[in-house]
Protein backbone atom coordinates (compact mmCIF):
# COMPACT_ATOMS: atom_id res chain seq x y z
CA MET A 1 195.04 257.16 150.98
CA LYS A 2 193.65 258.04 154.41
CA THR A 3 191.85 261.28 155.03
CA PHE A 4 193.18 263.59 157.72
CA ILE A 5 190.43 262.53 160.13
CA GLU A 6 191.15 258.86 159.47
CA SER A 7 194.78 259.51 160.35
CA ALA A 8 193.94 261.01 163.76
CA ALA A 9 194.87 257.84 165.70
CA SER A 10 198.26 257.59 164.06
CA LEU A 11 198.80 261.30 164.86
CA GLU A 12 197.86 260.62 168.49
CA THR A 13 195.09 263.21 168.23
CA SER A 14 191.47 263.06 169.41
CA ILE A 15 189.02 262.63 166.60
CA GLU A 16 187.22 265.76 167.82
CA ILE A 17 190.40 267.81 167.45
CA ALA A 18 191.08 266.30 164.04
CA ARG A 19 187.60 267.32 162.90
CA ALA A 20 188.07 270.84 164.26
CA ILE A 21 191.49 271.12 162.62
CA GLU A 22 189.95 270.11 159.29
CA LEU A 23 187.18 272.72 159.65
CA VAL A 24 189.65 275.49 160.48
CA ALA A 25 192.05 274.48 157.71
CA PHE A 26 189.44 274.16 155.01
CA SER A 27 187.78 277.45 155.99
CA GLU A 28 191.07 279.14 155.15
CA GLY A 29 192.03 277.04 152.15
CA ARG A 30 194.85 275.29 154.03
CA GLU A 31 195.89 271.70 154.48
CA PRO A 32 194.79 270.11 157.82
CA TYR A 33 198.19 268.50 158.39
CA ASN A 34 199.81 271.98 158.22
CA VAL A 35 197.42 273.29 160.89
CA TRP A 36 198.00 270.15 162.99
CA SER A 37 201.80 270.48 162.83
CA CYS A 38 202.20 274.25 163.07
CA PRO A 39 199.04 275.98 164.30
CA SER A 40 198.84 279.71 164.87
CA ASP A 41 197.42 281.12 168.12
CA SER A 42 194.17 281.91 166.34
CA ASP A 43 194.03 278.34 164.92
CA ILE A 44 194.35 276.89 168.42
CA TYR A 45 191.75 279.27 169.76
CA GLU A 46 189.25 278.42 167.00
CA ILE A 47 189.90 274.69 167.52
CA LYS A 48 189.33 275.13 171.24
CA LYS A 49 185.96 276.80 170.65
CA ILE A 50 184.89 273.96 168.35
CA VAL A 51 185.98 270.99 170.51
CA THR A 52 184.84 272.44 173.82
CA GLU A 53 181.59 273.68 172.28
CA ARG A 54 182.35 277.13 173.75
CA GLY A 55 183.05 275.86 177.25
CA LYS A 56 180.75 272.83 177.64
CA PHE A 57 183.81 270.59 177.79
CA GLU A 58 187.33 271.03 179.14
CA THR A 59 190.31 271.25 176.81
CA THR A 60 191.85 268.44 178.84
CA ASP A 61 189.11 266.10 177.60
CA PHE A 62 190.92 265.98 174.24
CA PHE A 63 194.51 265.22 173.16
CA TRP A 64 196.72 266.55 170.38
CA GLY A 65 199.92 264.77 169.36
CA SER A 66 202.93 265.15 171.62
CA ALA A 67 201.21 267.93 173.62
CA ASP A 68 198.81 265.21 174.76
CA TYR A 69 196.07 266.67 176.99
CA ASP A 70 198.01 269.91 177.63
CA TRP A 71 197.54 271.31 174.11
CA TYR A 72 195.78 274.56 174.97
CA PRO A 73 198.13 277.21 176.43
CA ALA A 74 195.44 279.06 178.40
CA ASP A 75 198.01 281.47 179.87
CA ILE A 76 198.45 283.27 176.54
CA LEU A 77 195.25 282.60 174.63
CA THR A 78 192.25 284.48 175.92
CA GLU A 79 189.22 286.02 174.34
CA THR A 80 190.67 289.50 175.03
CA TYR A 81 193.96 288.56 173.41
CA LEU A 82 192.17 287.63 170.20
CA GLY A 83 189.70 290.53 170.35
CA GLU A 84 186.69 288.42 171.17
CA THR A 85 184.36 288.38 174.13
CA GLN A 86 181.98 285.67 175.26
């Protein structure tokens, strides 16, 4: 059986996002596929911080399933929204 990260290509998801999803999921005792298929706003935000290395890279450098390169809804997810500042 493939691991979640090994299944990234078949899920049409960047390996970097798959790794971040796995980190977020396991830190909360959840299954990575559940985070991949139905992420919360805070899941997406945490994944963004991991894959962009806190702004070194653009979210559009990575793709996530059917959302493709437009996976991060920047209009609703901000540091203020989630109670965090940079």
